Amino acid sequence: MKQLHKLWRKQFRESVFSRDNYKCKVCGSTDELDAHHITDRHEMPNGGYVESNGITLCPKHHMNAESFHINNKTKWDDGFHPNDLYILIGSSYDIAYKNSLKL
């Protein structure tokens, strides 16, 4: 199962980066990008390693997005609530959840 998760992670990153043209979806930076899980991978079936649950972010904006999870879903930076991030990629929690079930 560990090998399968490694494969999913690799495919997830490549798929998210490709969809987002290898640029941070917030500022357009191309430096030190990460494929951020919009809904935490522990809260999604099969780790949520699906394009509809990922967004490309630079380090600064990745930390903005992580503030939601760090603060136990009680505080977040403006524009960085998971629903805001899903909108940026044309997805939603429901879409990501359903796609995760198919992994």
PDB file of N, CA and C in Angstrom:
ATOM      1  N   MET A   1       0.822  -1.207   0.000  1.00  0.00           N
ATOM      2  CA  MET A   1       0.000   0.000   0.000  1.00  0.00           C
ATOM      3  C   MET A   1       0.862   1.266   0.000  1.00  0.00           C
ATOM      4  N   LYS A   2       2.007   1.213   0.677  1.00  0.00           N
ATOM      5  CA  LYS A   2       2.906   2.365   0.726  1.00  0.00           C
ATOM      6  C   LYS A   2       3.383   2.743  -0.679  1.00  0.00           C
ATOM      7  N   GLN A   3       3.711   1.737  -1.494  1.00  0.00           N
ATOM      8  CA  GLN A   3       4.150   1.999  -2.872  1.00  0.00           C
ATOM      9  C   GLN A   3       3.039   2.663  -3.680  1.00  0.00           C
ATOM     10  N   LEU A   4       1.803   2.229  -3.452  1.00  0.00           N
ATOM     11  CA  LEU A   4       0.666   2.803  -4.163  1.00  0.00           C
ATOM     12  C   LEU A   4       0.508   4.284  -3.802  1.00  0.00           C
ATOM     13  N   HIS A   5       0.658   4.609  -2.523  1.00  0.00           N
ATOM     14  CA  HIS A   5       0.560   6.008  -2.101  1.00  0.00           C
ATOM     15  C   HIS A   5       1.675   6.851  -2.713  1.00  0.00           C
ATOM     16  N   LYS A   6       2.881   6.286  -2.848  1.00  0.00           N
ATOM     17  CA  LYS A   6       3.983   7.007  -3.489  1.00  0.00           C
ATOM     18  C   LYS A   6       3.636   7.313  -4.951  1.00  0.00           C
ATOM     19  N   LEU A   7       3.063   6.338  -5.623  1.00  0.00           N
ATOM     20  CA  LEU A   7       2.664   6.529  -7.015  1.00  0.00           C
ATOM     21  C   LEU A   7       1.566   7.588  -7.116  1.00  0.00           C
ATOM     22  N   TRP A   8       0.560   7.492  -6.241  1.00  0.00           N
ATOM     23  CA  TRP A   8      -0.522   8.484  -6.236  1.00  0.00           C
ATOM     24  C   TRP A   8       0.036   9.882  -5.994  1.00  0.00           C
ATOM     25  N   ARG A   9       0.972   9.995  -5.058  1.00  0.00           N
ATOM     26  CA  ARG A   9       1.565  11.296  -4.722  1.00  0.00           C
ATOM     27  C   ARG A   9       2.277  11.881  -5.946  1.00  0.00           C
ATOM     28  N   LYS A  10       3.059  11.057  -6.623  1.00  0.00           N
ATOM     29  CA  LYS A  10       3.785  11.511  -7.807  1.00  0.00           C
ATOM     30  C   LYS A  10       2.810  11.952  -8.898  1.00  0.00           C
ATOM     31  N   GLN A  11       1.797  11.145  -9.159  1.00  0.00           N
ATOM     32  CA  GLN A  11       0.804  11.475 -10.186  1.00  0.00           C
ATOM     33  C   GLN A  11       0.012  12.723  -9.800  1.00  0.00           C
ATOM     34  N   PHE A  12      -0.301  12.847  -8.509  1.00  0.00           N
ATOM     35  CA  PHE A  12      -1.029  14.005  -7.994  1.00  0.00           C
ATOM     36  C   PHE A  12      -0.240  15.284  -8.270  1.00  0.00           C
ATOM     37  N   ARG A  13       1.022  15.293  -7.866  1.00  0.00           N
ATOM     38  CA  ARG A  13       1.859  16.482  -8.057  1.00  0.00           C
ATOM     39  C   ARG A  13       1.946  16.869  -9.532  1.00  0.00           C
ATOM     40  N   GLU A  14       2.240  15.902 -10.379  1.00  0.00           N
ATOM     41  CA  GLU A  14       2.397  16.193 -11.801  1.00  0.00           C
ATOM     42  C   GLU A  14       1.091  16.698 -12.414  1.00  0.00           C
ATOM     43  N   SER A  15       0.004  16.074 -12.062  1.00  0.00           N
ATOM     44  CA  SER A  15      -1.298  16.462 -12.598  1.00  0.00           C
ATOM     45  C   SER A  15      -1.693  17.878 -12.160  1.00  0.00           C
ATOM     46  N   VAL A  16      -1.480  18.195 -10.887  1.00  0.00           N
ATOM     47  CA  VAL A  16      -1.817  19.520 -10.364  1.00  0.00           C
ATOM     48  C   VAL A  16      -0.904  20.575 -10.996  1.00  0.00           C
ATOM     49  N   PHE A  17       0.399  20.319 -11.026  1.00  0.00           N
ATOM     50  CA  PHE A  17       1.331  21.271 -11.635  1.00  0.00           C
ATOM     51  C   PHE A  17       0.991  21.519 -13.106  1.00  0.00           C
ATOM     52  N   SER A  18       0.715  20.460 -13.833  1.00  0.00           N
ATOM     53  CA  SER A  18       0.400  20.584 -15.253  1.00  0.00           C
ATOM     54  C   SER A  18      -0.866  21.419 -15.460  1.00  0.00           C
ATOM     55  N   ARG A  19      -1.903  21.100 -14.708  1.00  0.00           N
ATOM     56  CA  ARG A  19      -3.166  21.846 -14.839  1.00  0.00           C
ATOM     57  C   ARG A  19      -2.950  23.331 -14.563  1.00  0.00           C
ATOM     58  N   ASP A  20      -2.100  23.632 -13.569  1.00  0.00           N
ATOM     59  CA  ASP A  20      -1.869  25.016 -13.154  1.00  0.00           C
ATOM     60  C   ASP A  20      -0.701  25.680 -13.896  1.00  0.00           C
ATOM     61  N   ASN A  21      -0.242  25.046 -14.970  1.00  0.00           N
ATOM     62  CA  ASN A  21       0.836  25.585 -15.806  1.00  0.00           C
ATOM     63  C   ASN A  21       2.121  25.865 -15.020  1.00  0.00           C
ATOM     64  N   TYR A  22       2.388  25.024 -14.018  1.00  0.00           N
ATOM     65  CA  TYR A  22       3.618  25.124 -13.223  1.00  0.00           C
ATOM     66  C   TYR A  22       3.803  26.519 -12.629  1.00  0.00           C
ATOM     67  N   LYS A  23       2.676  27.107 -12.165  1.00  0.00           N
ATOM     68  CA  LYS A  23       2.687  28.433 -11.541  1.00  0.00           C
ATOM     69  C   LYS A  23       1.784  28.426 -10.317  1.00  0.00           C
ATOM     70  N   CYS A  24       2.186  29.194  -9.301  1.00  0.00           N
ATOM     71  CA  CYS A  24       1.336  29.388  -8.133  1.00  0.00           C
ATOM     72  C   CYS A  24       0.011  29.984  -8.615  1.00  0.00           C
ATOM     73  N   LYS A  25      -1.092  29.406  -8.192  1.00  0.00           N
ATOM     74  CA  LYS A  25      -2.409  29.883  -8.621  1.00  0.00           C
ATOM     75  C   LYS A  25      -2.768  31.230  -8.009  1.00  0.00           C
ATOM     76  N   VAL A  26      -2.016  31.672  -7.017  1.00  0.00           N
ATOM     77  CA  VAL A  26      -2.308  32.956  -6.379  1.00  0.00           C
ATOM     78  C   VAL A  26      -1.482  34.080  -6.993  1.00  0.00           C
ATOM     79  N   CYS A  27      -0.162  33.874  -7.139  1.00  0.00           N
ATOM     80  CA  CYS A  27       0.709  34.972  -7.580  1.00  0.00           C
ATOM     81  C   CYS A  27       1.425  34.725  -8.907  1.00  0.00           C
ATOM     82  N   GLY A  28       1.380  33.494  -9.399  1.00  0.00           N
ATOM     83  CA  GLY A  28       2.038  33.198 -10.664  1.00  0.00           C
ATOM     84  C   GLY A  28       3.502  32.821 -10.565  1.00  0.00           C
ATOM     85  N   SER A  29       4.035  32.751  -9.351  1.00  0.00           N
ATOM     86  CA  SER A  29       5.441  32.382  -9.172  1.00  0.00           C
ATOM     87  C   SER A  29       5.692  30.966  -9.701  1.00  0.00           C
ATOM     88  N   THR A  30       6.915  30.745 -10.152  1.00  0.00           N
ATOM     89  CA  THR A  30       7.310  29.414 -10.617  1.00  0.00           C
ATOM     90  C   THR A  30       8.388  28.804  -9.719  1.00  0.00           C
ATOM     91  N   ASP A  31       8.694  29.445  -8.607  1.00  0.00           N
ATOM     92  CA  ASP A  31       9.767  29.003  -7.710  1.00  0.00           C
ATOM     93  C   ASP A  31       9.263  28.107  -6.581  1.00  0.00           C
ATOM     94  N   GLU A  32       9.965  27.007  -6.345  1.00  0.00           N
ATOM     95  CA  GLU A  32       9.737  26.136  -5.192  1.00  0.00           C
ATOM     96  C   GLU A  32       8.267  25.768  -4.985  1.00  0.00           C
ATOM     97  N   LEU A  33       7.621  25.312  -6.020  1.00  0.00           N
ATOM     98  CA  LEU A  33       6.190  25.026  -5.971  1.00  0.00           C
ATOM     99  C   LEU A  33       5.876  23.761  -5.189  1.00  0.00           C
ATOM    100  N   ASP A  34       4.675  23.743  -4.630  1.00  0.00           N
ATOM    101  CA  ASP A  34       4.170  22.557  -3.961  1.00  0.00           C
ATOM    102  C   ASP A  34       2.740  22.313  -4.432  1.00  0.00           C
ATOM    103  N   ALA A  35       2.377  21.053  -4.478  1.00  0.00           N
ATOM    104  CA  ALA A  35       0.991  20.675  -4.769  1.00  0.00           C
ATOM    105  C   ALA A  35       0.298  20.499  -3.413  1.00  0.00           C
ATOM    106  N   HIS A  36      -0.491  21.477  -3.044  1.00  0.00           N
ATOM    107  CA  HIS A  36      -1.163  21.514  -1.745  1.00  0.00           C
ATOM    108  C   HIS A  36      -2.483  20.748  -1.802  1.00  0.00           C
ATOM    109  N   HIS A  37      -2.700  19.870  -0.809  1.00  0.00           N
ATOM    110  CA  HIS A  37      -4.001  19.222  -0.650  1.00  0.00           C
ATOM    111  C   HIS A  37      -4.957  20.251  -0.051  1.00  0.00           C
ATOM    112  N   ILE A  38      -6.010  20.589  -0.758  1.00  0.00           N
ATOM    113  CA  ILE A  38      -6.946  21.597  -0.264  1.00  0.00           C
ATOM    114  C   ILE A  38      -7.666  21.075   0.977  1.00  0.00           C
ATOM    115  N   THR A  39      -8.228  19.889   0.880  1.00  0.00           N
ATOM    116  CA  THR A  39      -8.744  19.205   2.064  1.00  0.00           C
ATOM    117  C   THR A  39      -7.651  18.233   2.480  1.00  0.00           C
ATOM    118  N   ASP A  40      -7.317  18.264   3.759  1.00  0.00           N
ATOM    119  CA  ASP A  40      -6.233  17.433   4.285  1.00  0.00           C
ATOM    120  C   ASP A  40      -6.375  15.995   3.802  1.00  0.00           C
ATOM    121  N   ARG A  41      -5.253  15.411   3.410  1.00  0.00           N
ATOM    122  CA  ARG A  41      -5.285  14.054   2.852  1.00  0.00           C
ATOM    123  C   ARG A  41      -5.785  13.015   3.848  1.00  0.00           C
ATOM    124  N   HIS A  42      -5.701  13.312   5.145  1.00  0.00           N
ATOM    125  CA  HIS A  42      -6.202  12.368   6.153  1.00  0.00           C
ATOM    126  C   HIS A  42      -7.721  12.417   6.284  1.00  0.00           C
ATOM    127  N   GLU A  43      -8.335  13.404   5.656  1.00  0.00           N
ATOM    128  CA  GLU A  43      -9.792  13.564   5.720  1.00  0.00           C
ATOM    129  C   GLU A  43     -10.482  13.134   4.430  1.00  0.00           C
ATOM    130  N   MET A  44      -9.717  12.608   3.504  1.00  0.00           N
ATOM    131  CA  MET A  44     -10.251  12.193   2.206  1.00  0.00           C
ATOM    132  C   MET A  44     -10.015  10.710   1.996  1.00  0.00           C
ATOM    133  N   PRO A  45     -10.908  10.048   1.269  1.00  0.00           N
ATOM    134  CA  PRO A  45     -10.665   8.643   0.930  1.00  0.00           C
ATOM    135  C   PRO A  45      -9.362   8.515   0.146  1.00  0.00           C
ATOM    136  N   ASN A  46      -8.608   7.500   0.420  1.00  0.00           N
ATOM    137  CA  ASN A  46      -7.378   7.201  -0.320  1.00  0.00           C
ATOM    138  C   ASN A  46      -6.383   8.353  -0.344  1.00  0.00           C
ATOM    139  N   GLY A  47      -6.436   9.212   0.657  1.00  0.00           N
ATOM    140  CA  GLY A  47      -5.468  10.293   0.767  1.00  0.00           C
ATOM    141  C   GLY A  47      -5.774  11.539  -0.048  1.00  0.00           C
ATOM    142  N   GLY A  48      -6.862  11.538  -0.786  1.00  0.00           N
ATOM    143  CA  GLY A  48      -7.216  12.724  -1.560  1.00  0.00           C
ATOM    144  C   GLY A  48      -6.215  13.103  -2.629  1.00  0.00           C
ATOM    145  N   TYR A  49      -5.500  12.112  -3.147  1.00  0.00           N
ATOM    146  CA  TYR A  49      -4.477  12.374  -4.164  1.00  0.00           C
ATOM    147  C   TYR A  49      -5.103  12.507  -5.552  1.00  0.00           C
ATOM    148  N   VAL A  50      -6.016  13.465  -5.679  1.00  0.00           N
ATOM    149  CA  VAL A  50      -6.693  13.699  -6.956  1.00  0.00           C
ATOM    150  C   VAL A  50      -6.536  15.171  -7.338  1.00  0.00           C
ATOM    151  N   GLU A  51      -6.447  15.419  -8.614  1.00  0.00           N
ATOM    152  CA  GLU A  51      -6.251  16.766  -9.132  1.00  0.00           C
ATOM    153  C   GLU A  51      -7.290  17.740  -8.585  1.00  0.00           C
ATOM    154  N   SER A  52      -8.510  17.277  -8.414  1.00  0.00           N
ATOM    155  CA  SER A  52      -9.596  18.140  -7.945  1.00  0.00           C
ATOM    156  C   SER A  52      -9.451  18.533  -6.480  1.00  0.00           C
ATOM    157  N   ASN A  53      -8.467  17.967  -5.764  1.00  0.00           N
ATOM    158  CA  ASN A  53      -8.192  18.325  -4.377  1.00  0.00           C
ATOM    159  C   ASN A  53      -6.828  18.994  -4.226  1.00  0.00           C
ATOM    160  N   GLY A  54      -6.211  19.389  -5.335  1.00  0.00           N
ATOM    161  CA  GLY A  54      -4.875  19.973  -5.265  1.00  0.00           C
ATOM    162  C   GLY A  54      -4.797  21.322  -5.936  1.00  0.00           C
ATOM    163  N   ILE A  55      -3.881  22.135  -5.439  1.00  0.00           N
ATOM    164  CA  ILE A  55      -3.630  23.447  -6.027  1.00  0.00           C
ATOM    165  C   ILE A  55      -2.136  23.735  -5.931  1.00  0.00           C
ATOM    166  N   THR A  56      -1.572  24.323  -6.975  1.00  0.00           N
ATOM    167  CA  THR A  56      -0.164  24.671  -6.995  1.00  0.00           C
ATOM    168  C   THR A  56       0.040  25.990  -6.264  1.00  0.00           C
ATOM    169  N   LEU A  57       0.952  25.949  -5.267  1.00  0.00           N
ATOM    170  CA  LEU A  57       1.222  27.144  -4.476  1.00  0.00           C
ATOM    171  C   LEU A  57       2.726  27.325  -4.255  1.00  0.00           C
ATOM    172  N   CYS A  58       3.161  28.584  -4.202  1.00  0.00           N
ATOM    173  CA  CYS A  58       4.530  28.915  -3.824  1.00  0.00           C
ATOM    174  C   CYS A  58       4.638  28.773  -2.298  1.00  0.00           C
ATOM    175  N   PRO A  59       5.841  28.801  -1.741  1.00  0.00           N
ATOM    176  CA  PRO A  59       5.987  28.629  -0.289  1.00  0.00           C
ATOM    177  C   PRO A  59       5.166  29.622   0.548  1.00  0.00           C
ATOM    178  N   LYS A  60       5.164  30.894   0.167  1.00  0.00           N
ATOM    179  CA  LYS A  60       4.408  31.895   0.928  1.00  0.00           C
ATOM    180  C   LYS A  60       2.921  31.565   0.947  1.00  0.00           C
ATOM    181  N   HIS A  61       2.361  31.289  -0.218  1.00  0.00           N
ATOM    182  CA  HIS A  61       0.926  31.040  -0.292  1.00  0.00           C
ATOM    183  C   HIS A  61       0.559  29.651   0.233  1.00  0.00           C
ATOM    184  N   HIS A  62       1.523  28.740   0.215  1.00  0.00           N
ATOM    185  CA  HIS A  62       1.282  27.435   0.826  1.00  0.00           C
ATOM    186  C   HIS A  62       1.082  27.614   2.333  1.00  0.00           C
ATOM    187  N   MET A  63       1.892  28.462   2.950  1.00  0.00           N
ATOM    188  CA  MET A  63       1.729  28.729   4.383  1.00  0.00           C
ATOM    189  C   MET A  63       0.395  29.415   4.657  1.00  0.00           C
ATOM    190  N   ASN A  64      -0.024  30.325   3.776  1.00  0.00           N
ATOM    191  CA  ASN A  64      -1.343  30.948   3.937  1.00  0.00           C
ATOM    192  C   ASN A  64      -2.436  29.883   3.927  1.00  0.00           C
ATOM    193  N   ALA A  65      -2.332  28.944   3.004  1.00  0.00           N
ATOM    194  CA  ALA A  65      -3.338  27.883   2.894  1.00  0.00           C
ATOM    195  C   ALA A  65      -3.284  26.942   4.094  1.00  0.00           C
ATOM    196  N   GLU A  66      -2.087  26.675   4.590  1.00  0.00           N
ATOM    197  CA  GLU A  66      -1.936  25.772   5.739  1.00  0.00           C
ATOM    198  C   GLU A  66      -2.488  26.374   7.030  1.00  0.00           C
ATOM    199  N   SER A  67      -2.619  27.695   7.102  1.00  0.00           N
ATOM    200  CA  SER A  67      -3.101  28.317   8.338  1.00  0.00           C
ATOM    201  C   SER A  67      -4.469  27.775   8.745  1.00  0.00           C
ATOM    202  N   PHE A  68      -5.304  27.414   7.783  1.00  0.00           N
ATOM    203  CA  PHE A  68      -6.613  26.818   8.073  1.00  0.00           C
ATOM    204  C   PHE A  68      -6.447  25.532   8.872  1.00  0.00           C
ATOM    205  N   HIS A  69      -5.516  24.689   8.456  1.00  0.00           N
ATOM    206  CA  HIS A  69      -5.301  23.402   9.125  1.00  0.00           C
ATOM    207  C   HIS A  69      -4.556  23.583  10.447  1.00  0.00           C
ATOM    208  N   ILE A  70      -3.574  24.484  10.466  1.00  0.00           N
ATOM    209  CA  ILE A  70      -2.785  24.741  11.673  1.00  0.00           C
ATOM    210  C   ILE A  70      -3.678  25.263  12.799  1.00  0.00           C
ATOM    211  N   ASN A  71      -4.680  26.055  12.447  1.00  0.00           N
ATOM    212  CA  ASN A  71      -5.572  26.664  13.433  1.00  0.00           C
ATOM    213  C   ASN A  71      -6.855  25.862  13.647  1.00  0.00           C
ATOM    214  N   ASN A  72      -6.782  24.562  13.416  1.00  0.00           N
ATOM    215  CA  ASN A  72      -7.923  23.664  13.649  1.00  0.00           C
ATOM    216  C   ASN A  72      -9.209  24.144  12.984  1.00  0.00           C
ATOM    217  N   LYS A  73      -9.062  24.689  11.778  1.00  0.00           N
ATOM    218  CA  LYS A  73     -10.197  25.113  10.953  1.00  0.00           C
ATOM    219  C   LYS A  73     -10.990  26.261  11.560  1.00  0.00           C
ATOM    220  N   THR A  74     -10.387  27.022  12.486  1.00  0.00           N
ATOM    221  CA  THR A  74     -11.098  28.122  13.134  1.00  0.00           C
ATOM    222  C   THR A  74     -10.682  29.486  12.611  1.00  0.00           C
ATOM    223  N   LYS A  75      -9.472  29.580  12.029  1.00  0.00           N
ATOM    224  CA  LYS A  75      -8.973  30.853  11.481  1.00  0.00           C
ATOM    225  C   LYS A  75      -8.248  30.567  10.173  1.00  0.00           C
ATOM    226  N   TRP A  76      -8.329  31.514   9.267  1.00  0.00           N
ATOM    227  CA  TRP A  76      -7.619  31.387   7.996  1.00  0.00           C
ATOM    228  C   TRP A  76      -7.399  32.771   7.413  1.00  0.00           C
ATOM    229  N   ASP A  77      -6.440  32.858   6.532  1.00  0.00           N
ATOM    230  CA  ASP A  77      -6.159  34.114   5.848  1.00  0.00           C
ATOM    231  C   ASP A  77      -7.214  34.354   4.774  1.00  0.00           C
ATOM    232  N   ASP A  78      -7.553  35.631   4.568  1.00  0.00           N
ATOM    233  CA  ASP A  78      -8.540  35.976   3.537  1.00  0.00           C
ATOM    234  C   ASP A  78      -8.151  35.369   2.199  1.00  0.00           C
ATOM    235  N   GLY A  79      -9.112  34.710   1.573  1.00  0.00           N
ATOM    236  CA  GLY A  79      -8.889  34.104   0.268  1.00  0.00           C
ATOM    237  C   GLY A  79      -8.268  32.724   0.308  1.00  0.00           C
ATOM    238  N   PHE A  80      -8.006  32.205   1.514  1.00  0.00           N
ATOM    239  CA  PHE A  80      -7.330  30.916   1.628  1.00  0.00           C
ATOM    240  C   PHE A  80      -8.150  29.858   2.361  1.00  0.00           C
ATOM    241  N   HIS A  81      -9.426  30.096   2.533  1.00  0.00           N
ATOM    242  CA  HIS A  81     -10.301  29.034   3.046  1.00  0.00           C
ATOM    243  C   HIS A  81     -10.358  27.959   1.957  1.00  0.00           C
ATOM    244  N   PRO A  82     -10.477  26.692   2.328  1.00  0.00           N
ATOM    245  CA  PRO A  82     -10.541  25.652   1.292  1.00  0.00           C
ATOM    246  C   PRO A  82     -11.566  25.946   0.198  1.00  0.00           C
ATOM    247  N   ASN A  83     -12.711  26.488   0.546  1.00  0.00           N
ATOM    248  CA  ASN A  83     -13.700  26.794  -0.492  1.00  0.00           C
ATOM    249  C   ASN A  83     -13.168  27.804  -1.491  1.00  0.00           C
ATOM    250  N   ASP A  84     -12.385  28.788  -1.010  1.00  0.00           N
ATOM    251  CA  ASP A  84     -11.767  29.776  -1.910  1.00  0.00           C
ATOM    252  C   ASP A  84     -10.774  29.104  -2.855  1.00  0.00           C
ATOM    253  N   LEU A  85     -10.002  28.164  -2.312  1.00  0.00           N
ATOM    254  CA  LEU A  85      -9.003  27.468  -3.131  1.00  0.00           C
ATOM    255  C   LEU A  85      -9.672  26.565  -4.162  1.00  0.00           C
ATOM    256  N   TYR A  86     -10.737  25.882  -3.756  1.00  0.00           N
ATOM    257  CA  TYR A  86     -11.480  25.060  -4.720  1.00  0.00           C
ATOM    258  C   TYR A  86     -12.002  25.924  -5.870  1.00  0.00           C
ATOM    259  N   ILE A  87     -12.490  27.110  -5.559  1.00  0.00           N
ATOM    260  CA  ILE A  87     -12.993  28.004  -6.610  1.00  0.00           C
ATOM    261  C   ILE A  87     -11.884  28.353  -7.604  1.00  0.00           C
ATOM    262  N   LEU A  88     -10.678  28.588  -7.100  1.00  0.00           N
ATOM    263  CA  LEU A  88      -9.557  28.939  -7.979  1.00  0.00           C
ATOM    264  C   LEU A  88      -9.258  27.860  -9.017  1.00  0.00           C
ATOM    265  N   ILE A  89      -9.581  26.609  -8.684  1.00  0.00           N
ATOM    266  CA  ILE A  89      -9.287  25.524  -9.629  1.00  0.00           C
ATOM    267  C   ILE A  89     -10.553  24.941 -10.255  1.00  0.00           C
ATOM    268  N   GLY A  90     -11.714  25.531  -9.974  1.00  0.00           N
ATOM    269  CA  GLY A  90     -12.968  25.052 -10.557  1.00  0.00           C
ATOM    270  C   GLY A  90     -13.411  23.716  -9.999  1.00  0.00           C
ATOM    271  N   SER A  91     -13.202  23.530  -8.706  1.00  0.00           N
ATOM    272  CA  SER A  91     -13.564  22.265  -8.062  1.00  0.00           C
ATOM    273  C   SER A  91     -14.377  22.552  -6.801  1.00  0.00           C
ATOM    274  N   SER A  92     -14.608  21.515  -6.017  1.00  0.00           N
ATOM    275  CA  SER A  92     -15.314  21.643  -4.745  1.00  0.00           C
ATOM    276  C   SER A  92     -14.967  20.434  -3.882  1.00  0.00           C
ATOM    277  N   TYR A  93     -15.305  20.523  -2.610  1.00  0.00           N
ATOM    278  CA  TYR A  93     -15.076  19.396  -1.712  1.00  0.00           C
ATOM    279  C   TYR A  93     -15.789  18.155  -2.240  1.00  0.00           C
ATOM    280  N   ASP A  94     -17.044  18.307  -2.651  1.00  0.00           N
ATOM    281  CA  ASP A  94     -17.828  17.155  -3.122  1.00  0.00           C
ATOM    282  C   ASP A  94     -17.182  16.491  -4.331  1.00  0.00           C
ATOM    283  N   ILE A  95     -16.719  17.293  -5.276  1.00  0.00           N
ATOM    284  CA  ILE A  95     -16.066  16.736  -6.464  1.00  0.00           C
ATOM    285  C   ILE A  95     -14.798  15.990  -6.052  1.00  0.00           C
ATOM    286  N   ALA A  96     -13.979  16.625  -5.214  1.00  0.00           N
ATOM    287  CA  ALA A  96     -12.724  16.007  -4.778  1.00  0.00           C
ATOM    288  C   ALA A  96     -12.990  14.710  -4.009  1.00  0.00           C
ATOM    289  N   TYR A  97     -13.985  14.711  -3.153  1.00  0.00           N
ATOM    290  CA  TYR A  97     -14.314  13.524  -2.369  1.00  0.00           C
ATOM    291  C   TYR A  97     -14.717  12.368  -3.296  1.00  0.00           C
ATOM    292  N   LYS A  98     -15.601  12.658  -4.236  1.00  0.00           N
ATOM    293  CA  LYS A  98     -16.058  11.617  -5.180  1.00  0.00           C
ATOM    294  C   LYS A  98     -14.904  11.088  -6.021  1.00  0.00           C
ATOM    295  N   ASN A  99     -14.033  11.975  -6.482  1.00  0.00           N
ATOM    296  CA  ASN A  99     -12.878  11.535  -7.262  1.00  0.00           C
ATOM    297  C   ASN A  99     -11.930  10.699  -6.422  1.00  0.00           C
ATOM    298  N   SER A 100     -11.778  11.047  -5.158  1.00  0.00           N
ATOM    299  CA  SER A 100     -10.898  10.290  -4.254  1.00  0.00           C
ATOM    300  C   SER A 100     -11.411   8.871  -4.027  1.00  0.00           C
ATOM    301  N   LEU A 101     -12.705   8.714  -4.023  1.00  0.00           N
ATOM    302  CA  LEU A 101     -13.292   7.378  -3.858  1.00  0.00           C
ATOM    303  C   LEU A 101     -12.900   6.452  -5.012  1.00  0.00           C
ATOM    304  N   LYS A 102     -12.627   7.031  -6.173  1.00  0.00           N
ATOM    305  CA  LYS A 102     -12.324   6.236  -7.368  1.00  0.00           C
ATOM    306  C   LYS A 102     -10.881   5.755  -7.443  1.00  0.00           C
ATOM    307  N   LEU A 103     -10.007   6.265  -6.558  1.00  0.00           N
ATOM    308  CA  LEU A 103      -8.601   5.850  -6.600  1.00  0.00           C
ATOM    309  C   LEU A 103      -8.456   4.360  -6.273  1.00  0.00           C
TER     310      LEU A 103
END
